[in-house]
Amino acid sequence: MFTNHMQDQGRKMVKPKMTAKVSLLLDHLAQN
C-alpha cells in the first residue's frame, strides 16, 4: 500500500517526464 508521503518521494526521485507514467502506475496499483 502506497502512502501519500511515499508517492511524493517517488515523484521526486523520477524524471519530470516520467511523473505522469508513475502516477498512472500508482493509480493502477491503488485500484487492485
PDB file of N, CA and C in Angstrom:
ATOM      1  N   MET A   1       0.846  -1.206   0.000  1.00  0.00           N
ATOM      2  CA  MET A   1       0.000   0.000   0.000  1.00  0.00           C
ATOM      3  C   MET A   1       0.876   1.248   0.000  1.00  0.00           C
ATOM      4  N   PHE A   2       0.612   2.141  -0.928  1.00  0.00           N
ATOM      5  CA  PHE A   2       1.395   3.370  -1.010  1.00  0.00           C
ATOM      6  C   PHE A   2       0.729   4.480  -0.200  1.00  0.00           C
ATOM      7  N   THR A   3       1.537   5.188   0.576  1.00  0.00           N
ATOM      8  CA  THR A   3       1.018   6.333   1.317  1.00  0.00           C
ATOM      9  C   THR A   3       1.285   7.591   0.509  1.00  0.00           C
ATOM     10  N   ASN A   4       0.628   8.683   0.868  1.00  0.00           N
ATOM     11  CA  ASN A   4       0.844   9.939   0.143  1.00  0.00           C
ATOM     12  C   ASN A   4       2.301  10.355   0.217  1.00  0.00           C
ATOM     13  N   HIS A   5       2.931  10.138   1.371  1.00  0.00           N
ATOM     14  CA  HIS A   5       4.338  10.506   1.542  1.00  0.00           C
ATOM     15  C   HIS A   5       5.213   9.705   0.589  1.00  0.00           C
ATOM     16  N   MET A   6       4.946   8.416   0.472  1.00  0.00           N
ATOM     17  CA  MET A   6       5.737   7.555  -0.412  1.00  0.00           C
ATOM     18  C   MET A   6       5.547   7.981  -1.866  1.00  0.00           C
ATOM     19  N   GLN A   7       4.335   8.361  -2.228  1.00  0.00           N
ATOM     20  CA  GLN A   7       4.071   8.812  -3.595  1.00  0.00           C
ATOM     21  C   GLN A   7       4.841  10.095  -3.881  1.00  0.00           C
ATOM     22  N   ASP A   8       4.849  11.018  -2.905  1.00  0.00           N
ATOM     23  CA  ASP A   8       5.575  12.277  -3.086  1.00  0.00           C
ATOM     24  C   ASP A   8       7.063  12.013  -3.249  1.00  0.00           C
ATOM     25  N   GLN A   9       7.618  11.132  -2.422  1.00  0.00           N
ATOM     26  CA  GLN A   9       9.037  10.792  -2.520  1.00  0.00           C
ATOM     27  C   GLN A   9       9.331  10.159  -3.873  1.00  0.00           C
ATOM     28  N   GLY A  10       8.450   9.294  -4.339  1.00  0.00           N
ATOM     29  CA  GLY A  10       8.635   8.631  -5.623  1.00  0.00           C
ATOM     30  C   GLY A  10       8.657   9.630  -6.769  1.00  0.00           C
ATOM     31  N   ARG A  11       7.772  10.621  -6.714  1.00  0.00           N
ATOM     32  CA  ARG A  11       7.723  11.625  -7.781  1.00  0.00           C
ATOM     33  C   ARG A  11       9.010  12.446  -7.807  1.00  0.00           C
ATOM     34  N   LYS A  12       9.580  12.702  -6.632  1.00  0.00           N
ATOM     35  CA  LYS A  12      10.817  13.489  -6.564  1.00  0.00           C
ATOM     36  C   LYS A  12      12.000  12.701  -7.112  1.00  0.00           C
ATOM     37  N   MET A  13      11.914  11.369  -7.039  1.00  0.00           N
ATOM     38  CA  MET A  13      13.021  10.520  -7.463  1.00  0.00           C
ATOM     39  C   MET A  13      13.062  10.317  -8.976  1.00  0.00           C
ATOM     40  N   VAL A  14      11.902  10.376  -9.629  1.00  0.00           N
ATOM     41  CA  VAL A  14      11.848  10.125 -11.071  1.00  0.00           C
ATOM     42  C   VAL A  14      12.035  11.414 -11.856  1.00  0.00           C
ATOM     43  N   LYS A  15      12.367  11.260 -13.134  1.00  0.00           N
ATOM     44  CA  LYS A  15      12.491  12.431 -14.006  1.00  0.00           C
ATOM     45  C   LYS A  15      11.106  13.032 -14.230  1.00  0.00           C
ATOM     46  N   PRO A  16      11.043  14.359 -14.397  1.00  0.00           N
ATOM     47  CA  PRO A  16       9.750  15.046 -14.576  1.00  0.00           C
ATOM     48  C   PRO A  16       8.868  14.415 -15.644  1.00  0.00           C
ATOM     49  N   LYS A  17       9.461  14.016 -16.776  1.00  0.00           N
ATOM     50  CA  LYS A  17       8.661  13.457 -17.870  1.00  0.00           C
ATOM     51  C   LYS A  17       8.115  12.077 -17.526  1.00  0.00           C
ATOM     52  N   MET A  18       8.652  11.462 -16.466  1.00  0.00           N
ATOM     53  CA  MET A  18       8.194  10.137 -16.063  1.00  0.00           C
ATOM     54  C   MET A  18       7.095  10.215 -15.008  1.00  0.00           C
ATOM     55  N   THR A  19       6.886  11.409 -14.455  1.00  0.00           N
ATOM     56  CA  THR A  19       5.925  11.573 -13.365  1.00  0.00           C
ATOM     57  C   THR A  19       4.530  11.093 -13.754  1.00  0.00           C
ATOM     58  N   ALA A  20       4.108  11.418 -14.968  1.00  0.00           N
ATOM     59  CA  ALA A  20       2.777  11.023 -15.421  1.00  0.00           C
ATOM     60  C   ALA A  20       2.650   9.506 -15.447  1.00  0.00           C
ATOM     61  N   LYS A  21       3.690   8.827 -15.954  1.00  0.00           N
ATOM     62  CA  LYS A  21       3.641   7.369 -16.025  1.00  0.00           C
ATOM     63  C   LYS A  21       3.623   6.763 -14.632  1.00  0.00           C
ATOM     64  N   VAL A  22       4.397   7.332 -13.728  1.00  0.00           N
ATOM     65  CA  VAL A  22       4.442   6.838 -12.352  1.00  0.00           C
ATOM     66  C   VAL A  22       3.087   7.036 -11.681  1.00  0.00           C
ATOM     67  N   SER A  23       2.479   8.193 -11.910  1.00  0.00           N
ATOM     68  CA  SER A  23       1.170   8.470 -11.327  1.00  0.00           C
ATOM     69  C   SER A  23       0.136   7.463 -11.821  1.00  0.00           C
ATOM     70  N   LEU A  24       0.184   7.150 -13.109  1.00  0.00           N
ATOM     71  CA  LEU A  24      -0.747   6.171 -13.669  1.00  0.00           C
ATOM     72  C   LEU A  24      -0.510   4.804 -13.050  1.00  0.00           C
ATOM     73  N   LEU A  25       0.765   4.465 -12.840  1.00  0.00           N
ATOM     74  CA  LEU A  25       1.102   3.178 -12.243  1.00  0.00           C
ATOM     75  C   LEU A  25       0.585   3.106 -10.811  1.00  0.00           C
ATOM     76  N   LEU A  26       0.773   4.175 -10.050  1.00  0.00           N
ATOM     77  CA  LEU A  26       0.303   4.200  -8.668  1.00  0.00           C
ATOM     78  C   LEU A  26      -1.217   4.095  -8.623  1.00  0.00           C
ATOM     79  N   ASP A  27      -1.880   4.776  -9.547  1.00  0.00           N
ATOM     80  CA  ASP A  27      -3.341   4.708  -9.609  1.00  0.00           C
ATOM     81  C   ASP A  27      -3.789   3.285  -9.912  1.00  0.00           C
ATOM     82  N   HIS A  28      -3.082   2.613 -10.805  1.00  0.00           N
ATOM     83  CA  HIS A  28      -3.415   1.235 -11.179  1.00  0.00           C
ATOM     84  C   HIS A  28      -3.238   0.313  -9.978  1.00  0.00           C
ATOM     85  N   LEU A  29      -2.154   0.496  -9.245  1.00  0.00           N
ATOM     86  CA  LEU A  29      -1.894  -0.345  -8.073  1.00  0.00           C
ATOM     87  C   LEU A  29      -2.942  -0.092  -6.995  1.00  0.00           C
ATOM     88  N   ALA A  30      -3.362   1.149  -6.855  1.00  0.00           N
ATOM     89  CA  ALA A  30      -4.334   1.502  -5.824  1.00  0.00           C
ATOM     90  C   ALA A  30      -5.689   0.851  -6.094  1.00  0.00           C
ATOM     91  N   GLN A  31      -5.992   0.618  -7.369  1.00  0.00           N
ATOM     92  CA  GLN A  31      -7.279   0.024  -7.727  1.00  0.00           C
ATOM     93  C   GLN A  31      -7.303  -1.472  -7.456  1.00  0.00           C
ATOM     94  N   ASN A  32      -6.127  -2.096  -7.360  1.00  0.00           N
ATOM     95  CA  ASN A  32      -6.062  -3.544  -7.154  1.00  0.00           C
ATOM     96  C   ASN A  32      -5.995  -3.904  -5.677  1.00  0.00           C
TER      97      ASN A  32
END
